[in-house]
Amino acid sequence: MNLKQLNLKDFYKRGLHSAKKGNYEAALEDFDRILQDNPADAKAYNNRGLVYYYMKDYQKAIADLSQALDINPNLFEAYLNRGNAWRHLGEHEKAIDDLNCALANNPESHAIYNNRGLVLANLGHYEEAIQDYDRALSINSHNYKTYYNRGRAYYLLGEKEAATENFNETLRLNPRYIKAYINRGLCYHQLGDNTQAIADYNTSLGIDPNNVYAYYNRGCVRYKLKQMQLAIEDFDKAVQLDPNYVKAYLNRGLALYKLGDAAAANKDFYHVMCINAEAYLYYQAQRCTPDINSYFKEAPQMELNNAVEYYNTTLNNTMSTSLSSAVLNAIWNQEDLDNRESIICEGEFLNE
């Protein structure tokens, strides 16, 4: 082996190490150097394409992976990686074609079955996706993400018990995987086990105290349990973390209304109309009103990045008590607010 080959080997090793550490720019420099000296190195194109994939530059990833496959049509890793890039671009059929080619070259790869399952799930073919996840787990039963993905597919099929079992396995293998706690908590809540649901959201917040979905979902459970003040505290935290979280404003407004604070409730409802007319349209559509356009057309619009300032200043200065009690109670139907236990927003399911 000559000195040039030794140097290229070092660049290869260093590039892979940098990529694993998340130092993508350094990894790109090393693979660029390899390809300058050896432009027919299919694996270098594959690895540089994978770095672009990690950087979420999917078009450049596809270009490099296609070049790798032009040089070596049997490089199954490149089919797998390009299939994943197509999936992120929403090119599902192209993704499936590539993943099928990858399987033809490596029929015992659990990663390929898992990723094809993700594409099938994105297409709404949940039963087929579950079959791929089953095959992936028959090859490798220790991949927590495959259990998580299968749990999501079961949930979307409406099979909450099966979803819960899969999230259980996810968390057995990785007790700190927050998304599984969020989704399992939602399953527990929808299955009527609110104690376990709250326990899952509490655990999520123990791992990440700033997880907006844990606060929001826990607030939804507390609302259903008629723990209105606790629900409001959770929705408060959710909108602090995400000032544009429309569903949190809606549900906080409903909880405030239930506690008798109509002025504060209407402030939240009015804020929703200002930042998202579609959410208000959805409310009216639920009520089957004949002309929903008339209810929101006068609502002032605003830039989302001004949401906090608008909420904390403009509304405080402009909304009189008479406005909130008279005009807005006519817009947000008082009988609805008094009688309906679930007006708009359920807990969040994380389909990712």
Protein backbone atom coordinates (compact mmCIF):
# COMPACT_ATOMS: atom_id res chain seq x y z
CA MET A 1 0.00 0.00 0.00
CA ASN A 2 1.52 3.34 -1.03
CA LEU A 3 1.59 6.61 0.88
CA LYS A 4 -1.33 8.05 -1.11
CA GLN A 5 -3.51 5.05 -0.26
CA LEU A 6 -2.60 5.39 3.40
CA ASN A 7 -3.56 9.06 3.38
CA LEU A 8 -6.91 8.32 1.70
CA LYS A 9 -7.60 5.65 4.27
CA ASP A 10 -6.93 8.19 7.02
CA PHE A 11 -9.32 10.68 5.39
CA TYR A 12 -11.94 7.94 5.18
CA LYS A 13 -11.56 7.03 8.84
CA ARG A 14 -11.56 10.64 9.98
CA GLY A 15 -14.56 11.53 7.82
CA LEU A 16 -16.61 8.69 9.25
CA HIS A 17 -15.59 9.64 12.79
CA SER A 18 -16.53 13.30 12.21
CA ALA A 19 -19.91 12.30 10.78
CA LYS A 20 -20.69 10.12 13.81
CA LYS A 21 -19.81 13.03 16.09
CA GLY A 22 -22.08 15.39 14.16
CA ASN A 23 -19.19 17.44 12.79
CA TYR A 24 -20.64 17.38 9.30
CA GLU A 25 -18.60 20.15 7.68
CA ALA A 26 -15.35 18.40 8.64
CA ALA A 27 -16.72 15.11 7.32
CA LEU A 28 -17.62 16.73 4.01
CA GLU A 29 -14.11 18.13 3.66
CA ASP A 30 -12.59 14.67 4.11
CA PHE A 31 -14.92 12.97 1.63
CA ASP A 32 -14.37 15.84 -0.83
CA ARG A 33 -10.64 15.17 -0.61
CA ILE A 34 -11.12 11.45 -1.22
CA LEU A 35 -13.27 12.10 -4.29
CA GLN A 36 -10.77 14.59 -5.69
CA ASP A 37 -8.16 11.83 -5.73
CA ASN A 38 -10.54 8.98 -6.59
CA PRO A 39 -13.70 10.18 -8.36
CA ALA A 40 -14.81 6.56 -8.92
CA ASP A 41 -15.10 5.74 -5.20
CA ALA A 42 -18.75 4.70 -4.83
CA LYS A 43 -18.53 4.33 -1.05
CA ALA A 44 -17.16 7.85 -0.70
CA TYR A 45 -20.14 9.20 -2.64
CA ASN A 46 -22.44 7.09 -0.45
CA ASN A 47 -20.87 8.39 2.75
CA ARG A 48 -20.86 12.01 1.59
CA GLY A 49 -24.49 11.56 0.56
CA LEU A 50 -25.26 10.24 4.02
CA VAL A 51 -23.64 13.31 5.57
CA TYR A 52 -25.85 15.54 3.42
CA TYR A 53 -28.81 13.43 4.56
CA TYR A 54 -27.91 14.06 8.21
CA MET A 55 -27.69 17.76 7.36
CA LYS A 56 -31.22 17.51 5.87
CA ASP A 57 -29.94 18.59 2.48
CA TYR A 58 -31.85 15.82 0.78
CA GLN A 59 -31.35 17.00 -2.80
CA LYS A 60 -27.56 16.96 -2.48
CA ALA A 61 -27.81 13.62 -0.69
CA ILE A 62 -29.77 12.14 -3.60
CA ALA A 63 -27.27 13.52 -6.12
CA ASP A 64 -24.34 11.85 -4.34
CA LEU A 65 -26.19 8.59 -3.72
CA SER A 66 -27.24 8.44 -7.36
CA GLN A 67 -23.60 8.92 -8.35
CA ALA A 68 -22.62 6.07 -6.01
CA LEU A 69 -25.17 3.79 -7.67
CA ASP A 70 -24.04 4.77 -11.16
CA ILE A 71 -20.58 3.51 -10.18
CA ASN A 72 -21.76 0.46 -8.23
CA PRO A 73 -25.39 -0.59 -8.86
CA ASN A 74 -25.11 -3.28 -6.16
CA LEU A 75 -24.32 -0.91 -3.30
CA PHE A 76 -27.41 -1.62 -1.20
CA GLU A 77 -26.53 1.02 1.42
CA ALA A 78 -26.90 3.71 -1.24
CA TYR A 79 -30.38 2.45 -2.16
CA LEU A 80 -31.33 2.49 1.52
CA ASN A 81 -29.97 5.99 2.07
CA ARG A 82 -31.49 7.39 -1.13
CA GLY A 83 -34.82 5.77 -0.26
CA ASN A 84 -34.76 7.57 3.10
CA ALA A 85 -33.97 10.87 1.39
CA TRP A 86 -36.86 10.40 -1.06
CA ARG A 87 -39.14 9.68 1.92
CA HIS A 88 -38.24 12.99 3.55
CA LEU A 89 -39.00 14.78 0.29
CA GLY A 90 -42.42 13.12 0.12
CA GLU A 91 -41.47 11.08 -2.95
CA HIS A 92 -42.96 7.89 -1.55
CA GLU A 93 -43.05 5.80 -4.70
CA LYS A 94 -39.41 6.54 -5.48
CA ALA A 95 -38.56 5.72 -1.87
CA ILE A 96 -40.28 2.34 -2.08
CA ASP A 97 -38.53 1.55 -5.38
CA ASP A 98 -35.14 2.24 -3.81
CA LEU A 99 -35.90 0.31 -0.64
CA ASN A 100 -37.09 -2.65 -2.70
CA CYS A 101 -33.76 -2.57 -4.57
CA ALA A 102 -31.94 -2.45 -1.25
CA LEU A 103 -33.87 -5.51 -0.05
CA ALA A 104 -33.04 -7.40 -3.22
CA ASN A 105 -29.38 -6.91 -2.39
CA ASN A 106 -29.74 -7.50 1.36
CA PRO A 107 -32.98 -9.33 2.25
CA GLU A 108 -32.00 -9.70 5.93
CA SER A 109 -31.63 -6.00 6.72
CA HIS A 110 -33.96 -4.95 9.53
CA ALA A 111 -33.21 -1.28 8.75
CA ILE A 112 -34.59 -1.58 5.23
CA TYR A 113 -37.83 -3.20 6.40
CA ASN A 114 -38.20 -0.55 9.10
CA ASN A 115 -37.69 2.30 6.67
CA ARG A 116 -40.01 0.84 4.06
CA GLY A 117 -42.57 0.57 6.84
CA LEU A 118 -42.18 4.30 7.47
CA VAL A 119 -42.93 5.04 3.82
CA LEU A 120 -45.96 2.76 3.79
CA ALA A 121 -47.24 4.42 6.95
CA ASN A 122 -46.82 7.85 5.35
CA LEU A 123 -49.00 6.58 2.52
CA GLY A 124 -51.65 5.47 5.03
CA HIS A 125 -50.98 1.76 4.40
CA TYR A 126 -50.71 0.96 8.09
CA GLU A 127 -51.34 -2.78 7.91
CA GLU A 128 -48.61 -3.19 5.28
CA ALA A 129 -46.32 -1.02 7.38
CA ILE A 130 -46.92 -3.25 10.39
CA GLN A 131 -45.96 -6.29 8.30
CA ASP A 132 -42.63 -4.62 7.50
CA TYR A 133 -42.06 -3.72 11.15
CA ASP A 134 -42.88 -7.32 12.10
CA ARG A 135 -40.24 -8.57 9.66
CA ALA A 136 -37.70 -6.03 10.91
CA LEU A 137 -38.26 -7.15 14.51
CA SER A 138 -37.98 -10.82 13.55
CA ILE A 139 -34.46 -9.97 12.36
CA ASN A 140 -33.56 -7.58 15.18
CA SER A 141 -35.81 -7.60 18.24
CA HIS A 142 -33.75 -4.97 20.08
CA ASN A 143 -34.47 -1.91 17.93
CA TYR A 144 -36.60 0.37 20.09
CA LYS A 145 -37.45 2.68 17.18
CA THR A 146 -39.05 -0.15 15.23
CA TYR A 147 -41.33 -0.92 18.19
CA TYR A 148 -42.12 2.80 18.38
CA ASN A 149 -42.92 2.96 14.66
CA ARG A 150 -45.14 -0.10 14.89
CA GLY A 151 -46.90 1.46 17.87
CA ARG A 152 -47.64 4.57 15.82
CA ALA A 153 -49.09 2.44 13.01
CA TYR A 154 -51.33 0.55 15.43
CA TYR A 155 -52.50 3.83 16.95
CA LEU A 156 -53.41 5.20 13.53
CA LEU A 157 -55.38 2.01 12.89
CA GLY A 158 -57.32 2.74 16.07
CA GLU A 159 -55.79 -0.20 17.96
CA LYS A 160 -54.80 1.64 21.14
CA GLU A 161 -54.06 -1.49 23.20
CA ALA A 162 -51.63 -2.83 20.59
CA ALA A 163 -50.06 0.62 20.30
CA THR A 164 -49.56 0.72 24.07
CA GLU A 165 -47.86 -2.69 24.05
CA ASN A 166 -45.40 -1.48 21.43
CA PHE A 167 -44.66 1.73 23.31
CA ASN A 168 -44.07 -0.45 26.39
CA GLU A 169 -41.38 -2.35 24.47
CA THR A 170 -39.89 0.90 23.19
CA LEU A 171 -39.50 2.18 26.73
CA ARG A 172 -38.20 -1.12 28.06
CA LEU A 173 -35.36 -0.84 25.54
CA ASN A 174 -34.92 2.93 25.90
CA PRO A 175 -36.44 4.35 29.11
CA ARG A 176 -35.61 7.92 28.07
CA TYR A 177 -37.40 7.99 24.72
CA ILE A 178 -39.79 10.87 25.37
CA LYS A 179 -41.94 10.49 22.25
CA ALA A 180 -42.99 7.03 23.40
CA TYR A 181 -44.10 8.43 26.78
CA ILE A 182 -46.11 11.17 25.06
CA ASN A 183 -47.89 8.75 22.75
CA ARG A 184 -48.37 6.05 25.37
CA GLY A 185 -49.84 8.68 27.68
CA LEU A 186 -52.33 9.61 24.99
CA CYS A 187 -53.25 5.93 24.53
CA TYR A 188 -53.77 5.51 28.28
CA HIS A 189 -55.94 8.64 28.35
CA GLN A 190 -58.08 7.49 25.44
CA LEU A 191 -58.39 4.04 27.03
CA GLY A 192 -59.65 5.68 30.24
CA ASP A 193 -56.53 5.25 32.40
CA ASN A 194 -55.84 8.87 33.28
CA THR A 195 -53.61 8.00 36.23
CA GLN A 196 -51.14 6.22 33.94
CA ALA A 197 -51.46 8.98 31.35
CA ILE A 198 -50.44 11.64 33.85
CA ALA A 199 -47.63 9.40 35.10
CA ASP A 200 -46.23 9.19 31.56
CA TYR A 201 -46.38 12.96 31.10
CA ASN A 202 -44.72 13.47 34.48
CA THR A 203 -41.94 11.10 33.46
CA SER A 204 -41.50 13.00 30.19
CA LEU A 205 -41.12 16.26 32.09
CA GLY A 206 -38.63 14.63 34.44
CA ILE A 207 -36.47 13.90 31.39
CA ASP A 208 -37.16 17.18 29.57
CA PRO A 209 -38.71 19.95 31.71
CA ASN A 210 -39.38 22.02 28.58
CA ASN A 211 -41.37 19.49 26.58
CA VAL A 212 -44.36 21.46 25.34
CA TYR A 213 -46.38 18.36 24.36
CA ALA A 214 -46.08 16.85 27.83
CA TYR A 215 -47.52 20.01 29.38
CA TYR A 216 -50.25 20.32 26.78
CA ASN A 217 -51.32 16.68 26.93
CA ARG A 218 -51.24 16.63 30.72
CA GLY A 219 -53.40 19.75 30.67
CA CYS A 220 -55.92 17.96 28.44
CA VAL A 221 -56.12 15.05 30.89
CA ARG A 222 -56.51 17.38 33.88
CA TYR A 223 -59.25 19.23 32.06
CA LYS A 224 -61.14 15.97 31.47
CA LEU A 225 -60.69 15.20 35.18
CA LYS A 226 -62.21 18.65 35.92
CA GLN A 227 -58.95 19.75 37.57
CA MET A 228 -59.32 23.12 35.88
CA GLN A 229 -56.72 25.11 37.79
CA LEU A 230 -54.07 22.45 37.22
CA ALA A 231 -55.06 22.26 33.55
CA ILE A 232 -54.68 26.02 33.22
CA GLU A 233 -51.21 25.84 34.77
CA ASP A 234 -50.19 23.25 32.17
CA PHE A 235 -51.63 25.28 29.28
CA ASP A 236 -49.87 28.37 30.71
CA LYS A 237 -46.58 26.53 30.48
CA ALA A 238 -47.36 25.28 26.97
CA VAL A 239 -47.96 28.79 25.61
CA GLN A 240 -44.87 30.09 27.40
CA LEU A 241 -42.81 27.47 25.58
CA ASP A 242 -44.65 27.97 22.26
CA PRO A 243 -46.44 31.34 22.02
CA ASN A 244 -48.13 30.24 18.78
CA TYR A 245 -49.65 27.05 20.22
CA VAL A 246 -53.25 27.72 19.18
CA LYS A 247 -54.75 24.58 20.73
CA ALA A 248 -53.26 25.44 24.11
CA TYR A 249 -54.92 28.88 24.02
CA LEU A 250 -58.23 27.29 23.05
CA ASN A 251 -58.18 24.75 25.83
CA ARG A 252 -56.95 27.26 28.40
CA GLY A 253 -59.78 29.55 27.42
CA LEU A 254 -62.28 26.76 27.88
CA ALA A 255 -60.86 25.88 31.31
CA LEU A 256 -60.97 29.53 32.35
CA TYR A 257 -64.57 29.74 31.22
CA LYS A 258 -65.45 26.67 33.27
CA LEU A 259 -63.94 28.41 36.30
CA GLY A 260 -66.18 31.43 35.69
CA ASP A 261 -63.49 33.80 34.36
CA ALA A 262 -65.26 34.77 31.13
CA ALA A 263 -63.08 37.83 30.50
CA ALA A 264 -59.83 35.85 30.62
CA ALA A 265 -61.40 33.06 28.60
CA ASN A 266 -62.55 35.44 25.89
CA LYS A 267 -59.08 36.96 25.78
CA ASP A 268 -57.75 33.53 24.84
CA PHE A 269 -60.54 32.93 22.33
CA TYR A 270 -60.05 36.31 20.72
CA HIS A 271 -56.32 35.69 20.53
CA VAL A 272 -57.01 32.46 18.64
CA MET A 273 -59.08 34.36 16.09
CA CYS A 274 -56.25 36.83 15.65
CA ILE A 275 -53.48 34.31 15.08
CA ASN A 276 -55.37 31.50 13.36
CA ALA A 277 -58.73 32.04 11.71
CA GLU A 278 -58.72 28.41 10.56
CA ALA A 279 -58.93 27.19 14.15
CA TYR A 280 -61.96 29.38 14.67
CA LEU A 281 -63.49 28.10 11.44
CA TYR A 282 -63.02 24.59 12.78
CA TYR A 283 -64.90 25.51 15.92
CA GLN A 284 -67.80 26.88 13.90
CA ALA A 285 -67.77 23.87 11.56
CA GLN A 286 -68.16 21.64 14.60
CA ARG A 287 -71.22 23.62 15.57
CA CYS A 288 -72.68 23.27 12.02
CA THR A 289 -73.32 26.98 11.66
CA PRO A 290 -74.74 27.88 8.23
CA ASP A 291 -72.35 30.70 7.39
CA ILE A 292 -69.05 30.29 9.17
CA ASN A 293 -67.37 33.09 7.23
CA SER A 294 -69.42 35.73 8.99
CA TYR A 295 -67.95 34.77 12.34
CA PHE A 296 -64.31 35.46 11.66
CA LYS A 297 -64.05 37.93 8.79
CA GLU A 298 -63.74 40.93 11.12
CA ALA A 299 -61.07 39.36 13.31
CA PRO A 300 -57.81 41.34 13.04
CA GLN A 301 -54.87 39.39 11.64
CA MET A 302 -51.31 39.59 12.88
CA GLU A 303 -47.84 38.26 12.25
CA LEU A 304 -47.16 35.09 14.24
CA ASN A 305 -43.78 36.32 15.43
CA ASN A 306 -45.57 39.17 17.22
CA ALA A 307 -47.90 36.84 19.12
CA VAL A 308 -46.47 37.39 22.60
CA GLU A 309 -46.35 41.17 22.31
CA TYR A 310 -49.85 41.28 20.86
CA TYR A 311 -51.29 39.07 23.55
CA ASN A 312 -49.60 40.85 26.44
CA THR A 313 -50.17 44.45 25.32
CA THR A 314 -52.79 45.05 22.64
CA LEU A 315 -55.46 42.86 24.15
CA ASN A 316 -54.89 44.27 27.62
CA ASN A 317 -55.27 47.77 26.26
CA THR A 318 -58.21 47.28 23.90
CA MET A 319 -60.49 44.59 25.32
CA SER A 320 -62.92 46.17 27.70
CA THR A 321 -65.05 44.07 30.02
CA SER A 322 -68.13 44.96 28.00
CA LEU A 323 -66.47 43.79 24.77
CA SER A 324 -65.46 40.45 26.22
CA SER A 325 -68.83 39.79 27.82
CA ALA A 326 -71.06 40.99 25.00
CA VAL A 327 -69.43 40.64 21.59
CA LEU A 328 -67.26 37.61 22.19
CA ASN A 329 -69.89 35.61 24.03
CA ALA A 330 -71.98 35.98 20.89
CA ILE A 331 -69.12 34.67 18.79
CA TRP A 332 -68.09 31.73 21.00
CA ASN A 333 -71.49 30.23 21.69
CA GLN A 334 -72.22 30.37 25.42
CA GLU A 335 -74.37 27.24 25.41
CA ASP A 336 -71.49 25.37 23.74
CA LEU A 337 -69.05 26.56 26.37
CA ASP A 338 -71.41 25.63 29.20
CA ASN A 339 -72.41 22.18 28.00
CA ARG A 340 -69.68 20.68 25.85
CA GLU A 341 -66.90 18.83 27.63
CA SER A 342 -64.65 18.56 24.57
CA ILE A 343 -64.91 21.52 22.27
CA ILE A 344 -61.94 21.38 19.96
CA CYS A 345 -58.61 19.98 20.97
CA GLU A 346 -57.50 16.56 22.18
CA GLY A 347 -54.03 15.63 23.27
CA GLU A 348 -51.27 15.57 20.70
CA PHE A 349 -50.24 12.35 18.96
CA LEU A 350 -46.63 12.58 17.78
CA ASN A 351 -46.61 10.98 14.36
CA GLU A 352 -42.87 11.29 13.89
